[in-house]
Protein backbone atom coordinates (compact mmCIF):
# COMPACT_ATOMS: atom_id res chain seq x y z
CA UNK A 1 -61.76 16.97 75.94
CA UNK A 2 -64.75 15.34 74.30
CA UNK A 3 -64.92 15.62 70.46
CA UNK A 4 -68.45 15.53 69.12
CA UNK A 5 -69.80 15.02 65.65
CA UNK A 6 -70.77 18.61 65.51
CA UNK A 7 -67.17 19.52 66.21
CA UNK A 8 -65.81 17.34 63.50
CA UNK A 9 -68.20 18.77 60.94
CA UNK A 10 -67.32 22.31 61.70
CA UNK A 11 -63.55 21.51 61.50
CA UNK A 12 -64.06 19.88 58.04
CA UNK A 13 -66.18 22.74 56.80
CA UNK A 14 -63.41 25.14 57.85
CA UNK A 15 -60.85 23.15 55.89
CA UNK A 16 -62.95 23.08 52.73
CA UNK A 17 -63.49 26.90 52.93
CA UNK A 18 -59.80 27.53 53.28
CA UNK A 19 -59.03 25.36 50.30
CA UNK A 20 -61.68 27.03 48.15
CA UNK A 21 -60.17 30.46 49.05
CA UNK A 22 -56.72 29.33 47.97
CA UNK A 23 -57.98 28.08 44.70
CA UNK A 24 -59.57 31.43 44.12
CA UNK A 25 -56.48 33.22 44.89
CA UNK A 26 -54.53 31.12 42.37
CA UNK A 27 -57.05 31.81 39.68
CA UNK A 28 -56.90 35.52 40.07
CA UNK A 29 -53.11 36.04 40.55
CA UNK A 30 -49.98 36.05 38.25
CA UNK A 31 -49.65 32.29 38.99
CA UNK A 32 -52.44 31.62 36.39
CA UNK A 33 -50.48 33.69 33.87
CA UNK A 34 -47.32 31.81 34.40
CA UNK A 35 -48.98 28.47 34.05
CA UNK A 36 -50.67 29.57 30.83
CA UNK A 37 -47.47 30.83 29.41
CA UNK A 38 -45.69 27.59 30.15
CA UNK A 39 -48.45 25.58 28.52
CA UNK A 40 -48.25 27.85 25.48
CA UNK A 41 -44.63 27.08 25.04
CA UNK A 42 -45.24 23.46 25.38
CA UNK A 43 -47.99 23.45 22.84
CA UNK A 44 -45.85 25.26 20.17
CA UNK A 45 -44.90 22.93 17.19
CA UNK A 46 -41.28 23.05 15.93
CA UNK A 47 -39.29 21.17 13.41
CA UNK A 48 -35.54 20.80 13.62
CA UNK A 49 -33.60 19.79 10.42
CA UNK A 50 -30.15 19.74 9.08
CA UNK A 51 -29.24 21.51 5.79
CA UNK A 52 -26.21 20.81 3.65
CA UNK A 53 -24.67 23.16 1.24
CA UNK A 54 -22.01 22.47 -1.27
CA UNK A 55 -20.44 24.45 -4.07
CA UNK A 56 -17.82 23.51 -6.72
CA UNK A 57 -15.29 25.99 -7.85
CA UNK A 58 -12.12 26.24 -9.87
CA UNK A 59 -8.97 26.73 -7.83
CA UNK A 60 -7.40 30.19 -8.00
CA UNK A 61 -4.12 29.44 -6.23
CA UNK A 62 -1.57 26.63 -6.02
CA UNK A 63 0.87 25.84 -3.22
CA UNK A 64 3.99 24.22 -4.67
CA UNK A 65 6.29 22.35 -2.30
CA UNK A 66 9.80 21.75 -3.54
CA UNK A 67 13.13 20.69 -2.09
CA UNK A 68 16.85 21.25 -3.08
CA UNK A 69 18.88 18.32 -1.73
CA UNK A 70 22.70 18.14 -1.78
CA UNK A 71 25.31 15.71 -0.55
CA UNK A 72 28.92 15.96 0.19
CA UNK A 73 31.66 14.35 2.35
CA UNK A 74 31.64 17.32 4.85
CA UNK A 75 28.85 19.33 6.21
CA UNK A 76 30.28 22.60 4.88
CA UNK A 77 30.58 21.25 1.38
CA UNK A 78 27.05 20.01 1.45
CA UNK A 79 25.74 23.41 2.71
CA UNK A 80 27.78 25.29 0.12
CA UNK A 81 26.55 23.24 -2.63
CA UNK A 82 22.97 23.68 -1.41
CA UNK A 83 23.39 27.44 -1.10
CA UNK A 84 24.67 27.59 -4.74
CA UNK A 85 21.72 25.70 -6.14
CA UNK A 86 19.31 27.91 -4.02
CA UNK A 87 20.90 30.93 -5.53
CA UNK A 88 19.97 29.77 -9.02
CA UNK A 89 16.44 28.78 -7.89
CA UNK A 90 16.00 32.28 -6.24
CA UNK A 91 17.22 34.08 -9.36
CA UNK A 92 14.67 32.12 -11.41
CA UNK A 93 11.84 32.91 -8.98
CA UNK A 94 12.49 36.49 -8.32
CA UNK A 95 13.94 37.70 -11.52
CA UNK A 96 12.25 35.57 -14.14
CA UNK A 97 8.92 34.92 -12.51
CA UNK A 98 8.92 38.17 -10.47
CA UNK A 99 7.62 36.45 -7.35
CA UNK A 100 6.82 38.52 -4.29
CA UNK A 101 8.95 37.66 -1.10
CA UNK A 102 5.79 36.72 0.78
CA UNK A 103 4.88 34.08 -1.77
CA UNK A 104 8.13 32.14 -1.20
CA UNK A 105 8.93 30.76 2.11
CA UNK A 106 11.30 28.23 3.57
CA UNK A 107 9.37 25.37 5.34
CA UNK A 108 12.46 23.16 6.17
CA UNK A 109 16.19 23.46 6.41
CA UNK A 110 18.29 20.65 7.76
CA UNK A 111 21.98 19.41 7.62
CA UNK A 112 22.44 15.82 8.81
CA UNK A 113 25.02 13.03 8.57
CA UNK A 114 24.42 9.93 6.62
CA UNK A 115 25.61 6.58 7.90
CA UNK A 116 25.87 3.09 6.36
CA UNK A 117 24.74 0.45 8.87
CA UNK A 118 26.10 -3.08 8.72
CA UNK A 119 25.21 -5.80 11.20
CA UNK A 120 27.75 -6.18 13.91
CA UNK A 121 29.82 -3.26 12.82
CA UNK A 122 30.06 0.28 13.90
CA UNK A 123 28.04 2.74 11.70
CA UNK A 124 30.16 4.15 8.91
CA UNK A 125 29.89 7.86 8.10
CA UNK A 126 29.15 8.31 4.33
CA UNK A 127 28.80 12.20 4.27
CA UNK A 128 26.34 14.90 4.91
CA UNK A 129 23.00 15.83 3.38
CA UNK A 130 21.59 19.38 3.31
CA UNK A 131 17.87 19.78 2.65
CA UNK A 132 16.21 23.10 1.88
CA UNK A 133 12.39 23.04 1.28
CA UNK A 134 10.32 25.84 -0.01
CA UNK A 135 6.61 26.42 -0.42
CA UNK A 136 5.73 28.63 -3.39
CA UNK A 137 2.36 30.37 -3.72
CA UNK A 138 1.42 30.64 -7.42
CA UNK A 139 -1.75 32.02 -8.93
CA UNK A 140 -1.17 31.27 -12.60
CA UNK A 141 -2.95 27.95 -12.40
CA UNK A 142 -2.41 27.09 -16.20
CA UNK A 143 1.31 27.76 -15.92
CA UNK A 144 2.05 25.36 -12.97
CA UNK A 145 3.65 22.68 -15.33
CA UNK A 146 6.00 25.27 -16.75
CA UNK A 147 6.95 26.51 -13.29
CA UNK A 148 7.77 22.90 -12.07
CA UNK A 149 9.93 22.38 -15.18
CA UNK A 150 11.79 25.60 -14.61
CA UNK A 151 12.31 24.78 -10.98
CA UNK A 152 13.86 21.49 -11.75
CA UNK A 153 16.18 23.00 -14.33
CA UNK A 154 17.38 25.67 -11.81
CA UNK A 155 18.35 23.05 -9.31
CA UNK A 156 15.29 21.64 -7.53
CA UNK A 157 15.66 17.96 -7.27
CA UNK A 158 12.40 16.99 -5.58
CA UNK A 159 8.80 18.15 -6.13
CA UNK A 160 7.19 17.15 -2.86
CA UNK A 161 3.59 18.23 -3.30
CA UNK A 162 1.21 20.56 -5.21
CA UNK A 163 -1.91 21.49 -3.58
CA UNK A 164 -4.67 23.69 -5.05
CA UNK A 165 -6.89 25.97 -3.10
CA UNK A 166 -8.82 29.26 -3.23
CA UNK A 167 -8.23 32.75 -1.85
CA UNK A 168 -11.89 33.58 -2.00
CA UNK A 169 -12.96 31.26 0.75
CA UNK A 170 -15.01 33.95 2.58
CA UNK A 171 -17.10 34.66 -0.56
CA UNK A 172 -17.63 30.95 -1.26
CA UNK A 173 -18.50 30.27 2.33
CA UNK A 174 -21.42 32.53 2.13
CA UNK A 175 -22.66 30.86 -1.04
CA UNK A 176 -22.28 27.42 0.67
CA UNK A 177 -24.35 28.74 3.65
CA UNK A 178 -27.15 30.02 1.47
CA UNK A 179 -27.44 26.61 -0.20
CA UNK A 180 -27.47 24.94 3.19
CA UNK A 181 -30.25 27.18 4.52
CA UNK A 182 -32.32 26.62 1.35
CA UNK A 183 -31.84 22.92 1.82
CA UNK A 184 -32.93 23.06 5.47
CA UNK A 185 -36.02 25.07 4.52
CA UNK A 186 -36.97 22.63 1.82
CA UNK A 187 -36.75 19.75 4.30
CA UNK A 188 -38.79 21.50 6.98
CA UNK A 189 -41.48 22.43 4.50
CA UNK A 190 -41.85 18.79 3.41
CA UNK A 191 -42.11 17.62 7.00
CA UNK A 192 -44.71 20.29 7.93
CA UNK A 193 -46.72 19.41 4.75
CA UNK A 194 -47.17 15.80 6.01
CA UNK A 195 -49.11 17.36 8.84
CA UNK A 196 -51.12 19.63 6.50
CA UNK A 197 -49.23 22.71 7.87
CA UNK A 198 -46.58 25.11 6.62
CA UNK A 199 -43.53 26.57 8.34
CA UNK A 200 -43.82 30.01 9.82
CA UNK A 201 -40.40 31.24 10.89
CA UNK A 202 -36.95 30.37 12.17
CA UNK A 203 -36.55 29.81 15.97
CA UNK A 204 -32.85 28.95 16.04
CA UNK A 205 -29.94 28.40 13.70
CA UNK A 206 -26.62 26.69 14.34
CA UNK A 207 -23.81 26.33 11.75
CA UNK A 208 -22.09 23.13 12.58
CA UNK A 209 -18.44 22.55 12.01
CA UNK A 210 -17.68 25.64 9.99
CA UNK A 211 -16.83 25.30 6.35
CA UNK A 212 -14.76 22.57 4.76
CA UNK A 213 -12.71 23.34 1.69
CA UNK A 214 -11.14 20.33 0.02
CA UNK A 215 -9.79 19.35 -3.41
CA UNK A 216 -11.58 16.72 -5.43
CA UNK A 217 -9.84 14.20 -7.66
CA UNK A 218 -7.16 16.02 -9.61
CA UNK A 219 -7.14 19.08 -7.40
CA UNK A 220 -4.00 17.44 -5.80
CA UNK A 221 -1.53 17.76 -8.68
CA UNK A 222 -0.96 14.86 -10.98
CA UNK A 223 2.50 15.10 -12.66
CA UNK A 224 3.36 13.12 -15.71
CA UNK A 225 5.64 13.50 -18.57
CA UNK A 226 4.17 14.32 -21.93
CA UNK A 227 5.73 13.59 -25.35
CA UNK A 228 7.64 16.81 -25.16
CA UNK A 229 8.94 16.01 -21.72
CA UNK A 230 7.12 18.97 -20.18
CA UNK A 231 5.21 18.41 -16.87
CA UNK A 232 1.39 18.41 -17.17
CA UNK A 233 -0.77 19.29 -14.12
CA UNK A 234 -4.41 18.51 -13.60
CA UNK A 235 -5.93 20.98 -11.09
CA UNK A 236 -9.53 19.60 -10.82
CA UNK A 237 -12.03 21.34 -8.75
CA UNK A 238 -12.58 22.29 -5.05
CA UNK A 239 -15.39 21.40 -3.00
CA UNK A 240 -16.67 23.76 -0.38
CA UNK A 241 -19.29 22.44 2.02
CA UNK A 242 -21.05 23.50 5.24
CA UNK A 243 -23.92 22.38 7.42
CA UNK A 244 -26.63 24.12 9.39
CA UNK A 245 -29.07 22.91 11.88
CA UNK A 246 -32.32 25.02 11.79
CA UNK A 247 -35.39 25.01 14.05
CA UNK A 248 -38.70 26.28 12.52
CA UNK A 249 -42.16 26.98 13.90
CA UNK A 250 -45.00 25.39 12.07
């Protein structure tokens, strides 16, 4: 078959006409709408910032961890001595201080032998030690020192730890979130202002890491003997912090 210039010209013209028809179809179909929508999203300006919120509050609860420890030459004698001391402690807690049962709980009970170890000799049994540890939830913050004194008088021979906290964490969490959101908005407004614009609205918010509640300084109890030999406790304050990541339109 012989291809002439005229044949080639007709073929090229057909191709061009088909391409023009396809372009016209695209311009008058939903494809155009989709492209425009995508371009609109791309052109939208957003700012993503992190806001921090912190509030300082006075503690309203203390968790007092104490231990009654007794030793004897037999396990039974050690346990009996411990039980007797615990009876006195319980009487003080429930009869004198009127504690609710749910505010006093055993965190550890253990009976174990004690040995003396000498090099090149077999271990020598010295006796047995019984340990009974309690966690006491106490809400009279100003009376913690007196409670500790009365516990030691009743038979507690070790105060392991006193930690202060709050039972209003949900309420304080909302306050911390409010401060974090205000901080984020302030940051976003400053950034938008550098472009001579202003923020319009929130696109997305993520609260990162929840809320942290931690004692500051003296909020972990400091025990020391005053001139009258009573125990003095410094409760300090509690820091409640949170963080939010916010995306704004501008």
